[in-house]
C-alpha cells in the first residue's frame, strides 16, 4: 500500500510539472516559413494575444504544422491550411495581409 501511494504521488508530481512547463512555454517569438514564393515571417508572440492557441494548434498538442500537413494524407496540404487559416482570419478581422507579396518576401 505504501509503495502504491509513493508511486501515485510521484506520478501526480511529474504530471503537474509537465503541465506547468507546457503552459509556461509560449513557443518561439517568430516563425519563418520558406516556400518557393518567398519567406513568410509569422509573429507568433503577437498572434498569441489575438486568438486562442487551438485556432492554429487544433489537434490539442503544440506540434509544428508540417508534422501532419503535407505528411498525413488525411490532412490538407500545409499551404492550403496556412492560406485558409491566416487569410480567413485577416479578412474577418479586417486587419492583416491578404495578398501574396504582403507575406511572401523574396
PDB file of N, CA and C in Angstrom:
ATOM      1  N   UNK A   1       0.826  -1.192   0.000  1.00  0.00           N
ATOM      2  CA  UNK A   1       0.000   0.000   0.000  1.00  0.00           C
ATOM      3  C   UNK A   1       0.874   1.262   0.000  1.00  0.00           C
ATOM      4  N   UNK A   2       1.949   1.215   0.795  1.00  0.00           N
ATOM      5  CA  UNK A   2       2.842   2.374   0.886  1.00  0.00           C
ATOM      6  C   UNK A   2       3.525   2.628  -0.459  1.00  0.00           C
ATOM      7  N   UNK A   3       3.937   1.562  -1.167  1.00  0.00           N
ATOM      8  CA  UNK A   3       4.578   1.700  -2.472  1.00  0.00           C
ATOM      9  C   UNK A   3       3.608   2.295  -3.485  1.00  0.00           C
ATOM     10  N   UNK A   4       2.356   1.877  -3.431  1.00  0.00           N
ATOM     11  CA  UNK A   4       1.336   2.393  -4.337  1.00  0.00           C
ATOM     12  C   UNK A   4       1.110   3.883  -4.107  1.00  0.00           C
ATOM     13  N   UNK A   5       1.082   4.302  -2.863  1.00  0.00           N
ATOM     14  CA  UNK A   5       0.907   5.700  -2.507  1.00  0.00           C
ATOM     15  C   UNK A   5       2.091   6.546  -3.001  1.00  0.00           C
ATOM     16  N   UNK A   6       3.298   6.040  -2.850  1.00  0.00           N
ATOM     17  CA  UNK A   6       4.503   6.737  -3.335  1.00  0.00           C
ATOM     18  C   UNK A   6       4.471   6.839  -4.858  1.00  0.00           C
ATOM     19  N   UNK A   7       4.107   5.765  -5.533  1.00  0.00           N
ATOM     20  CA  UNK A   7       4.023   5.756  -6.993  1.00  0.00           C
ATOM     21  C   UNK A   7       2.964   6.751  -7.483  1.00  0.00           C
ATOM     22  N   UNK A   8       1.818   6.762  -6.837  1.00  0.00           N
ATOM     23  CA  UNK A   8       0.754   7.681  -7.198  1.00  0.00           C
ATOM     24  C   UNK A   8       1.183   9.139  -6.986  1.00  0.00           C
ATOM     25  N   UNK A   9       1.829   9.424  -5.892  1.00  0.00           N
ATOM     26  CA  UNK A   9       2.323  10.766  -5.597  1.00  0.00           C
ATOM     27  C   UNK A   9       3.356  11.204  -6.635  1.00  0.00           C
ATOM     28  N   UNK A  10       4.271  10.320  -6.972  1.00  0.00           N
ATOM     29  CA  UNK A  10       5.304  10.631  -7.966  1.00  0.00           C
ATOM     30  C   UNK A  10       4.678  10.900  -9.334  1.00  0.00           C
ATOM     31  N   UNK A  11       3.686  10.111  -9.712  1.00  0.00           N
ATOM     32  CA  UNK A  11       3.007  10.291 -10.997  1.00  0.00           C
ATOM     33  C   UNK A  11       2.299  11.643 -11.050  1.00  0.00           C
ATOM     34  N   UNK A  12       1.621  11.997  -9.989  1.00  0.00           N
ATOM     35  CA  UNK A  12       0.930  13.288  -9.926  1.00  0.00           C
ATOM     36  C   UNK A  12       1.931  14.436  -9.997  1.00  0.00           C
ATOM     37  N   UNK A  13       3.045  14.319  -9.311  1.00  0.00           N
ATOM     38  CA  UNK A  13       4.074  15.349  -9.308  1.00  0.00           C
ATOM     39  C   UNK A  13       4.648  15.549 -10.712  1.00  0.00           C
ATOM     40  N   UNK A  14       5.002  14.470 -11.382  1.00  0.00           N
ATOM     41  CA  UNK A  14       5.567  14.555 -12.741  1.00  0.00           C
ATOM     42  C   UNK A  14       4.541  15.141 -13.703  1.00  0.00           C
ATOM     43  N   UNK A  15       3.300  14.719 -13.608  1.00  0.00           N
ATOM     44  CA  UNK A  15       2.248  15.247 -14.483  1.00  0.00           C
ATOM     45  C   UNK A  15       2.042  16.741 -14.249  1.00  0.00           C
ATOM     46  N   UNK A  16       2.061  17.153 -13.009  1.00  0.00           N
ATOM     47  CA  UNK A  16       1.885  18.572 -12.683  1.00  0.00           C
ATOM     48  C   UNK A  16       3.015  19.418 -13.239  1.00  0.00           C
ATOM     49  N   UNK A  17       4.233  18.952 -13.075  1.00  0.00           N
ATOM     50  CA  UNK A  17       5.395  19.691 -13.585  1.00  0.00           C
ATOM     51  C   UNK A  17       5.339  19.780 -15.113  1.00  0.00           C
ATOM     52  N   UNK A  18       4.989  18.690 -15.775  1.00  0.00           N
ATOM     53  CA  UNK A  18       4.892  18.691 -17.240  1.00  0.00           C
ATOM     54  C   UNK A  18       3.834  19.673 -17.716  1.00  0.00           C
ATOM     55  N   UNK A  19       2.704  19.716 -17.031  1.00  0.00           N
ATOM     56  CA  UNK A  19       1.633  20.646 -17.392  1.00  0.00           C
ATOM     57  C   UNK A  19       2.083  22.088 -17.229  1.00  0.00           C
ATOM     58  N   UNK A  20       2.776  22.377 -16.165  1.00  0.00           N
ATOM     59  CA  UNK A  20       3.267  23.735 -15.919  1.00  0.00           C
ATOM     60  C   UNK A  20       4.277  24.145 -16.987  1.00  0.00           C
ATOM     61  N   UNK A  21       5.185  23.245 -17.336  1.00  0.00           N
ATOM     62  CA  UNK A  21       6.195  23.547 -18.355  1.00  0.00           C
ATOM     63  C   UNK A  21       5.523  23.856 -19.683  1.00  0.00           C
ATOM     64  N   UNK A  22       4.535  23.072 -20.066  1.00  0.00           N
ATOM     65  CA  UNK A  22       3.836  23.312 -21.334  1.00  0.00           C
ATOM     66  C   UNK A  22       3.075  24.633 -21.281  1.00  0.00           C
ATOM     67  N   UNK A  23       2.437  24.923 -20.167  1.00  0.00           N
ATOM     68  CA  UNK A  23       1.660  26.162 -20.038  1.00  0.00           C
ATOM     69  C   UNK A  23       2.548  27.402 -20.073  1.00  0.00           C
ATOM     70  N   UNK A  24       3.735  27.315 -19.509  1.00  0.00           N
ATOM     71  CA  UNK A  24       4.643  28.461 -19.451  1.00  0.00           C
ATOM     72  C   UNK A  24       5.346  28.678 -20.788  1.00  0.00           C
ATOM     73  N   UNK A  25       5.604  27.626 -21.510  1.00  0.00           N
ATOM     74  CA  UNK A  25       6.301  27.725 -22.783  1.00  0.00           C
ATOM     75  C   UNK A  25       5.349  28.265 -23.834  1.00  0.00           C
ATOM     76  N   UNK A  26       5.659  29.416 -24.356  1.00  0.00           N
ATOM     77  CA  UNK A  26       4.804  30.037 -25.357  1.00  0.00           C
ATOM     78  C   UNK A  26       5.274  29.785 -26.776  1.00  0.00           C
ATOM     79  N   UNK A  27       6.275  28.980 -26.930  1.00  0.00           N
ATOM     80  CA  UNK A  27       6.795  28.718 -28.256  1.00  0.00           C
ATOM     81  C   UNK A  27       7.714  29.827 -28.716  1.00  0.00           C
ATOM     82  N   UNK A  28       8.176  29.750 -29.954  1.00  0.00           N
ATOM     83  CA  UNK A  28       9.099  30.763 -30.464  1.00  0.00           C
ATOM     84  C   UNK A  28       8.400  32.101 -30.679  1.00  0.00           C
ATOM     85  N   UNK A  29       9.142  33.172 -30.557  1.00  0.00           N
ATOM     86  CA  UNK A  29       8.588  34.512 -30.757  1.00  0.00           C
ATOM     87  C   UNK A  29       8.236  34.740 -32.226  1.00  0.00           C
ATOM     88  N   UNK A  30       9.007  34.119 -33.101  1.00  0.00           N
ATOM     89  CA  UNK A  30       8.839  34.321 -34.536  1.00  0.00           C
ATOM     90  C   UNK A  30       9.047  32.994 -35.247  1.00  0.00           C
ATOM     91  N   UNK A  31       8.246  32.740 -36.268  1.00  0.00           N
ATOM     92  CA  UNK A  31       8.368  31.512 -37.050  1.00  0.00           C
ATOM     93  C   UNK A  31       8.545  31.910 -38.502  1.00  0.00           C
ATOM     94  N   UNK A  32       9.510  31.296 -39.179  1.00  0.00           N
ATOM     95  CA  UNK A  32       9.747  31.596 -40.592  1.00  0.00           C
ATOM     96  C   UNK A  32       9.423  30.357 -41.426  1.00  0.00           C
ATOM     97  N   UNK A  33       8.612  30.564 -42.444  1.00  0.00           N
ATOM     98  CA  UNK A  33       8.302  29.540 -43.421  1.00  0.00           C
ATOM     99  C   UNK A  33       9.019  29.925 -44.698  1.00  0.00           C
ATOM    100  N   UNK A  34       9.549  28.951 -45.413  1.00  0.00           N
ATOM    101  CA  UNK A  34      10.334  29.272 -46.609  1.00  0.00           C
ATOM    102  C   UNK A  34       9.795  28.558 -47.854  1.00  0.00           C
ATOM    103  N   UNK A  35       8.596  28.913 -48.309  1.00  0.00           N
ATOM    104  CA  UNK A  35       8.083  28.328 -49.550  1.00  0.00           C
ATOM    105  C   UNK A  35       8.748  28.976 -50.767  1.00  0.00           C
ATOM    106  N   UNK A  36       8.460  28.443 -51.938  1.00  0.00           N
ATOM    107  CA  UNK A  36       9.055  28.951 -53.178  1.00  0.00           C
ATOM    108  C   UNK A  36       8.720  30.413 -53.443  1.00  0.00           C
ATOM    109  N   UNK A  37       7.540  30.840 -53.029  1.00  0.00           N
ATOM    110  CA  UNK A  37       7.082  32.220 -53.293  1.00  0.00           C
ATOM    111  C   UNK A  37       7.862  33.268 -52.507  1.00  0.00           C
ATOM    112  N   UNK A  38       8.603  32.855 -51.484  1.00  0.00           N
ATOM    113  CA  UNK A  38       9.343  33.791 -50.652  1.00  0.00           C
ATOM    114  C   UNK A  38       9.085  33.525 -49.175  1.00  0.00           C
ATOM    115  N   UNK A  39       9.966  33.979 -48.338  1.00  0.00           N
ATOM    116  CA  UNK A  39       9.898  33.715 -46.904  1.00  0.00           C
ATOM    117  C   UNK A  39       8.715  34.437 -46.258  1.00  0.00           C
ATOM    118  N   UNK A  40       7.985  33.700 -45.434  1.00  0.00           N
ATOM    119  CA  UNK A  40       6.880  34.263 -44.656  1.00  0.00           C
ATOM    120  C   UNK A  40       7.339  34.279 -43.203  1.00  0.00           C
ATOM    121  N   UNK A  41       7.340  35.463 -42.601  1.00  0.00           N
ATOM    122  CA  UNK A  41       7.724  35.610 -41.200  1.00  0.00           C
ATOM    123  C   UNK A  41       6.459  35.798 -40.380  1.00  0.00           C
ATOM    124  N   UNK A  42       6.209  34.859 -39.486  1.00  0.00           N
ATOM    125  CA  UNK A  42       4.998  34.860 -38.662  1.00  0.00           C
ATOM    126  C   UNK A  42       5.352  35.309 -37.252  1.00  0.00           C
ATOM    127  N   UNK A  43       4.744  36.388 -36.793  1.00  0.00           N
ATOM    128  CA  UNK A  43       4.974  36.918 -35.453  1.00  0.00           C
ATOM    129  C   UNK A  43       4.103  36.133 -34.463  1.00  0.00           C
ATOM    130  N   UNK A  44       4.654  35.074 -33.948  1.00  0.00           N
ATOM    131  CA  UNK A  44       3.931  34.163 -33.052  1.00  0.00           C
ATOM    132  C   UNK A  44       3.510  34.873 -31.769  1.00  0.00           C
ATOM    133  N   UNK A  45       4.391  35.683 -31.206  1.00  0.00           N
ATOM    134  CA  UNK A  45       4.094  36.390 -29.956  1.00  0.00           C
ATOM    135  C   UNK A  45       2.886  37.309 -30.117  1.00  0.00           C
ATOM    136  N   UNK A  46       2.840  38.071 -31.200  1.00  0.00           N
ATOM    137  CA  UNK A  46       1.724  38.990 -31.423  1.00  0.00           C
ATOM    138  C   UNK A  46       0.405  38.245 -31.583  1.00  0.00           C
ATOM    139  N   UNK A  47       0.441  37.114 -32.264  1.00  0.00           N
ATOM    140  CA  UNK A  47      -0.787  36.357 -32.509  1.00  0.00           C
ATOM    141  C   UNK A  47      -1.308  35.656 -31.254  1.00  0.00           C
ATOM    142  N   UNK A  48      -0.439  35.387 -30.296  1.00  0.00           N
ATOM    143  CA  UNK A  48      -0.880  34.708 -29.074  1.00  0.00           C
ATOM    144  C   UNK A  48      -1.881  35.539 -28.287  1.00  0.00           C
ATOM    145  N   UNK A  49      -1.787  36.852 -28.390  1.00  0.00           N
ATOM    146  CA  UNK A  49      -2.722  37.705 -27.659  1.00  0.00           C
ATOM    147  C   UNK A  49      -3.994  37.980 -28.469  1.00  0.00           C
ATOM    148  N   UNK A  50      -4.013  37.578 -29.735  1.00  0.00           N
ATOM    149  CA  UNK A  50      -5.155  37.858 -30.602  1.00  0.00           C
ATOM    150  C   UNK A  50      -6.164  36.716 -30.687  1.00  0.00           C
ATOM    151  N   UNK A  51      -5.709  35.505 -30.468  1.00  0.00           N
ATOM    152  CA  UNK A  51      -6.581  34.348 -30.658  1.00  0.00           C
ATOM    153  C   UNK A  51      -6.217  33.239 -29.684  1.00  0.00           C
ATOM    154  N   UNK A  52      -7.093  32.292 -29.562  1.00  0.00           N
ATOM    155  CA  UNK A  52      -6.852  31.121 -28.730  1.00  0.00           C
ATOM    156  C   UNK A  52      -5.871  30.190 -29.453  1.00  0.00           C
ATOM    157  N   UNK A  53      -5.001  29.552 -28.716  1.00  0.00           N
ATOM    158  CA  UNK A  53      -3.981  28.677 -29.317  1.00  0.00           C
ATOM    159  C   UNK A  53      -4.599  27.579 -30.188  1.00  0.00           C
ATOM    160  N   UNK A  54      -5.779  27.090 -29.793  1.00  0.00           N
ATOM    161  CA  UNK A  54      -6.411  25.995 -30.525  1.00  0.00           C
ATOM    162  C   UNK A  54      -6.861  26.400 -31.927  1.00  0.00           C
ATOM    163  N   UNK A  55      -6.880  27.687 -32.225  1.00  0.00           N
ATOM    164  CA  UNK A  55      -7.207  28.138 -33.580  1.00  0.00           C
ATOM    165  C   UNK A  55      -6.218  27.539 -34.574  1.00  0.00           C
ATOM    166  N   UNK A  56      -4.960  27.590 -34.241  1.00  0.00           N
ATOM    167  CA  UNK A  56      -3.922  27.018 -35.109  1.00  0.00           C
ATOM    168  C   UNK A  56      -3.536  25.616 -34.654  1.00  0.00           C
ATOM    169  N   UNK A  57      -3.377  25.454 -33.358  1.00  0.00           N
ATOM    170  CA  UNK A  57      -2.977  24.158 -32.797  1.00  0.00           C
ATOM    171  C   UNK A  57      -4.229  23.352 -32.488  1.00  0.00           C
ATOM    172  N   UNK A  58      -4.936  22.971 -33.547  1.00  0.00           N
ATOM    173  CA  UNK A  58      -6.251  22.363 -33.426  1.00  0.00           C
ATOM    174  C   UNK A  58      -6.245  20.904 -32.998  1.00  0.00           C
ATOM    175  N   UNK A  59      -5.094  20.289 -32.939  1.00  0.00           N
ATOM    176  CA  UNK A  59      -5.038  18.874 -32.561  1.00  0.00           C
ATOM    177  C   UNK A  59      -4.894  18.672 -31.060  1.00  0.00           C
ATOM    178  N   UNK A  60      -4.711  19.752 -30.323  1.00  0.00           N
ATOM    179  CA  UNK A  60      -4.577  19.634 -28.878  1.00  0.00           C
ATOM    180  C   UNK A  60      -3.134  19.598 -28.410  1.00  0.00           C
ATOM    181  N   UNK A  61      -2.204  19.384 -29.333  1.00  0.00           N
ATOM    182  CA  UNK A  61      -0.791  19.443 -28.957  1.00  0.00           C
ATOM    183  C   UNK A  61      -0.173  20.653 -29.647  1.00  0.00           C
ATOM    184  N   UNK A  62       1.062  20.868 -29.423  1.00  0.00           N
ATOM    185  CA  UNK A  62       1.711  22.048 -29.983  1.00  0.00           C
ATOM    186  C   UNK A  62       2.775  21.668 -31.002  1.00  0.00           C
ATOM    187  N   UNK A  63       2.458  20.664 -31.787  1.00  0.00           N
ATOM    188  CA  UNK A  63       3.379  20.215 -32.820  1.00  0.00           C
ATOM    189  C   UNK A  63       3.425  21.223 -33.958  1.00  0.00           C
ATOM    190  N   UNK A  64       4.481  21.166 -34.735  1.00  0.00           N
ATOM    191  CA  UNK A  64       4.595  22.023 -35.909  1.00  0.00           C
ATOM    192  C   UNK A  64       3.564  21.588 -36.944  1.00  0.00           C
ATOM    193  N   UNK A  65       3.059  22.524 -37.696  1.00  0.00           N
ATOM    194  CA  UNK A  65       2.020  22.245 -38.693  1.00  0.00           C
ATOM    195  C   UNK A  65       2.426  21.125 -39.650  1.00  0.00           C
ATOM    196  N   UNK A  66       3.675  21.190 -40.104  1.00  0.00           N
ATOM    197  CA  UNK A  66       4.133  20.224 -41.103  1.00  0.00           C
ATOM    198  C   UNK A  66       4.380  18.830 -40.530  1.00  0.00           C
ATOM    199  N   UNK A  67       4.124  18.635 -39.238  1.00  0.00           N
ATOM    200  CA  UNK A  67       4.223  17.277 -38.698  1.00  0.00           C
ATOM    201  C   UNK A  67       3.026  16.446 -39.166  1.00  0.00           C
ATOM    202  N   UNK A  68       1.945  17.105 -39.613  1.00  0.00           N
ATOM    203  CA  UNK A  68       0.784  16.412 -40.191  1.00  0.00           C
ATOM    204  C   UNK A  68       0.502  16.895 -41.608  1.00  0.00           C
ATOM    205  N   UNK A  69       0.383  18.219 -41.758  1.00  0.00           N
ATOM    206  CA  UNK A  69       0.032  18.799 -43.058  1.00  0.00           C
ATOM    207  C   UNK A  69       1.186  18.581 -44.033  1.00  0.00           C
ATOM    208  N   UNK A  70       0.881  17.848 -45.099  1.00  0.00           N
ATOM    209  CA  UNK A  70       1.903  17.519 -46.088  1.00  0.00           C
ATOM    210  C   UNK A  70       2.472  16.130 -45.881  1.00  0.00           C
ATOM    211  N   UNK A  71       2.143  15.501 -44.750  1.00  0.00           N
ATOM    212  CA  UNK A  71       2.623  14.145 -44.460  1.00  0.00           C
ATOM    213  C   UNK A  71       1.443  13.187 -44.373  1.00  0.00           C
ATOM    214  N   UNK A  72       0.484  13.528 -43.547  1.00  0.00           N
ATOM    215  CA  UNK A  72      -0.705  12.707 -43.364  1.00  0.00           C
ATOM    216  C   UNK A  72      -1.643  12.947 -44.540  1.00  0.00           C
ATOM    217  N   UNK A  73      -1.969  11.905 -45.316  1.00  0.00           N
ATOM    218  CA  UNK A  73      -2.819  12.113 -46.493  1.00  0.00           C
ATOM    219  C   UNK A  73      -4.230  12.601 -46.151  1.00  0.00           C
ATOM    220  N   UNK A  74      -4.667  12.422 -44.913  1.00  0.00           N
ATOM    221  CA  UNK A  74      -5.996  12.883 -44.500  1.00  0.00           C
ATOM    222  C   UNK A  74      -6.007  14.376 -44.158  1.00  0.00           C
ATOM    223  N   UNK A  75      -4.838  14.939 -43.916  1.00  0.00           N
ATOM    224  CA  UNK A  75      -4.729  16.366 -43.581  1.00  0.00           C
ATOM    225  C   UNK A  75      -4.557  17.173 -44.862  1.00  0.00           C
ATOM    226  N   UNK A  76      -5.140  18.365 -44.897  1.00  0.00           N
ATOM    227  CA  UNK A  76      -4.961  19.223 -46.072  1.00  0.00           C
ATOM    228  C   UNK A  76      -3.493  19.626 -46.186  1.00  0.00           C
ATOM    229  N   UNK A  77      -3.080  20.005 -47.380  1.00  0.00           N
ATOM    230  CA  UNK A  77      -1.696  20.429 -47.589  1.00  0.00           C
ATOM    231  C   UNK A  77      -1.393  21.629 -46.703  1.00  0.00           C
ATOM    232  N   UNK A  78      -0.144  21.751 -46.291  1.00  0.00           N
ATOM    233  CA  UNK A  78       0.269  22.844 -45.407  1.00  0.00           C
ATOM    234  C   UNK A  78      -0.059  24.199 -46.035  1.00  0.00           C
ATOM    235  N   UNK A  79       0.242  24.358 -47.298  1.00  0.00           N
ATOM    236  CA  UNK A  79      -0.024  25.624 -47.992  1.00  0.00           C
ATOM    237  C   UNK A  79      -1.502  25.993 -47.878  1.00  0.00           C
ATOM    238  N   UNK A  80      -2.377  25.029 -48.122  1.00  0.00           N
ATOM    239  CA  UNK A  80      -3.816  25.289 -48.065  1.00  0.00           C
ATOM    240  C   UNK A  80      -4.268  25.609 -46.645  1.00  0.00           C
ATOM    241  N   UNK A  81      -3.703  24.917 -45.668  1.00  0.00           N
ATOM    242  CA  UNK A  81      -4.056  25.173 -44.270  1.00  0.00           C
ATOM    243  C   UNK A  81      -3.623  26.571 -43.850  1.00  0.00           C
ATOM    244  N   UNK A  82      -2.405  26.962 -44.200  1.00  0.00           N
ATOM    245  CA  UNK A  82      -1.910  28.301 -43.853  1.00  0.00           C
ATOM    246  C   UNK A  82      -2.779  29.378 -44.503  1.00  0.00           C
ATOM    247  N   UNK A  83      -2.982  29.226 -45.807  1.00  0.00           N
ATOM    248  CA  UNK A  83      -3.738  30.247 -46.527  1.00  0.00           C
ATOM    249  C   UNK A  83      -5.153  30.379 -45.978  1.00  0.00           C
ATOM    250  N   UNK A  84      -5.825  29.266 -45.746  1.00  0.00           N
ATOM    251  CA  UNK A  84      -7.201  29.328 -45.240  1.00  0.00           C
ATOM    252  C   UNK A  84      -7.245  29.940 -43.847  1.00  0.00           C
ATOM    253  N   UNK A  85      -6.409  29.449 -42.952  1.00  0.00           N
ATOM    254  CA  UNK A  85      -6.434  29.933 -41.571  1.00  0.00           C
ATOM    255  C   UNK A  85      -6.031  31.399 -41.493  1.00  0.00           C
ATOM    256  N   UNK A  86      -4.916  31.740 -42.085  1.00  0.00           N
ATOM    257  CA  UNK A  86      -4.390  33.113 -41.974  1.00  0.00           C
ATOM    258  C   UNK A  86      -5.250  34.118 -42.725  1.00  0.00           C
ATOM    259  N   UNK A  87      -5.494  33.849 -44.010  1.00  0.00           N
ATOM    260  CA  UNK A  87      -6.240  34.816 -44.819  1.00  0.00           C
ATOM    261  C   UNK A  87      -7.673  34.975 -44.335  1.00  0.00           C
ATOM    262  N   UNK A  88      -8.314  33.885 -43.956  1.00  0.00           N
ATOM    263  CA  UNK A  88      -9.695  33.984 -43.468  1.00  0.00           C
ATOM    264  C   UNK A  88      -9.762  34.837 -42.207  1.00  0.00           C
ATOM    265  N   UNK A  89      -8.819  34.647 -41.301  1.00  0.00           N
ATOM    266  CA  UNK A  89      -8.798  35.429 -40.067  1.00  0.00           C
ATOM    267  C   UNK A  89      -8.505  36.891 -40.369  1.00  0.00           C
ATOM    268  N   UNK A  90      -7.544  37.148 -41.239  1.00  0.00           N
ATOM    269  CA  UNK A  90      -7.204  38.525 -41.590  1.00  0.00           C
ATOM    270  C   UNK A  90      -8.393  39.242 -42.234  1.00  0.00           C
ATOM    271  N   UNK A  91      -9.134  38.530 -43.082  1.00  0.00           N
ATOM    272  CA  UNK A  91     -10.322  39.132 -43.708  1.00  0.00           C
ATOM    273  C   UNK A  91     -11.406  39.380 -42.667  1.00  0.00           C
ATOM    274  N   UNK A  92     -11.615  38.419 -41.788  1.00  0.00           N
ATOM    275  CA  UNK A  92     -12.636  38.536 -40.750  1.00  0.00           C
ATOM    276  C   UNK A  92     -12.341  39.695 -39.800  1.00  0.00           C
ATOM    277  N   UNK A  93     -11.075  39.842 -39.433  1.00  0.00           N
ATOM    278  CA  UNK A  93     -10.681  40.903 -38.500  1.00  0.00           C
ATOM    279  C   UNK A  93     -10.501  42.246 -39.226  1.00  0.00           C
ATOM    280  N   UNK A  94     -10.551  42.218 -40.566  1.00  0.00           N
ATOM    281  CA  UNK A  94     -10.290  43.400 -41.390  1.00  0.00           C
ATOM    282  C   UNK A  94      -8.942  44.010 -41.025  1.00  0.00           C
ATOM    283  N   UNK A  95      -7.993  43.121 -40.765  1.00  0.00           N
ATOM    284  CA  UNK A  95      -6.662  43.552 -40.356  1.00  0.00           C
ATOM    285  C   UNK A  95      -5.681  42.442 -40.723  1.00  0.00           C
ATOM    286  N   UNK A  96      -4.562  42.812 -41.260  1.00  0.00           N
ATOM    287  CA  UNK A  96      -3.538  41.832 -41.611  1.00  0.00           C
ATOM    288  C   UNK A  96      -3.469  41.619 -43.103  1.00  0.00           C
ATOM    289  N   UNK A  97      -2.342  41.128 -43.582  1.00  0.00           N
ATOM    290  CA  UNK A  97      -2.138  40.955 -45.017  1.00  0.00           C
ATOM    291  C   UNK A  97      -2.991  39.839 -45.609  1.00  0.00           C
ATOM    292  N   UNK A  98      -3.449  40.052 -46.845  1.00  0.00           N
ATOM    293  CA  UNK A  98      -4.220  39.029 -47.556  1.00  0.00           C
ATOM    294  C   UNK A  98      -3.718  38.816 -48.981  1.00  0.00           C
ATOM    295  N   UNK A  99      -2.743  39.623 -49.417  1.00  0.00           N
ATOM    296  CA  UNK A  99      -2.197  39.491 -50.767  1.00  0.00           C
ATOM    297  C   UNK A  99      -0.847  38.781 -50.697  1.00  0.00           C
ATOM    298  N   UNK A 100      -0.510  38.079 -51.759  1.00  0.00           N
ATOM    299  CA  UNK A 100       0.710  37.240 -51.789  1.00  0.00           C
ATOM    300  C   UNK A 100       1.961  37.948 -51.284  1.00  0.00           C
ATOM    301  N   UNK A 101       2.313  39.048 -51.925  1.00  0.00           N
ATOM    302  CA  UNK A 101       3.579  39.732 -51.618  1.00  0.00           C
ATOM    303  C   UNK A 101       3.568  40.490 -50.288  1.00  0.00           C
ATOM    304  N   UNK A 102       2.420  40.525 -49.631  1.00  0.00           N
ATOM    305  CA  UNK A 102       2.378  41.138 -48.308  1.00  0.00           C
ATOM    306  C   UNK A 102       2.947  40.195 -47.249  1.00  0.00           C
ATOM    307  N   UNK A 103       2.929  38.918 -47.543  1.00  0.00           N
ATOM    308  CA  UNK A 103       3.501  37.908 -46.627  1.00  0.00           C
ATOM    309  C   UNK A 103       4.774  37.297 -47.181  1.00  0.00           C
ATOM    310  N   UNK A 104       4.724  36.934 -48.455  1.00  0.00           N
ATOM    311  CA  UNK A 104       5.856  36.262 -49.095  1.00  0.00           C
ATOM    312  C   UNK A 104       6.890  37.290 -49.548  1.00  0.00           C
ATOM    313  N   UNK A 105       8.056  37.274 -48.913  1.00  0.00           N
ATOM    314  CA  UNK A 105       9.121  38.219 -49.222  1.00  0.00           C
ATOM    315  C   UNK A 105      10.305  37.460 -49.822  1.00  0.00           C
ATOM    316  N   UNK A 106      10.680  37.831 -51.033  1.00  0.00           N
ATOM    317  CA  UNK A 106      11.820  37.161 -51.692  1.00  0.00           C
ATOM    318  C   UNK A 106      13.120  37.778 -51.242  1.00  0.00           C
TER     319      UNK A 106
END
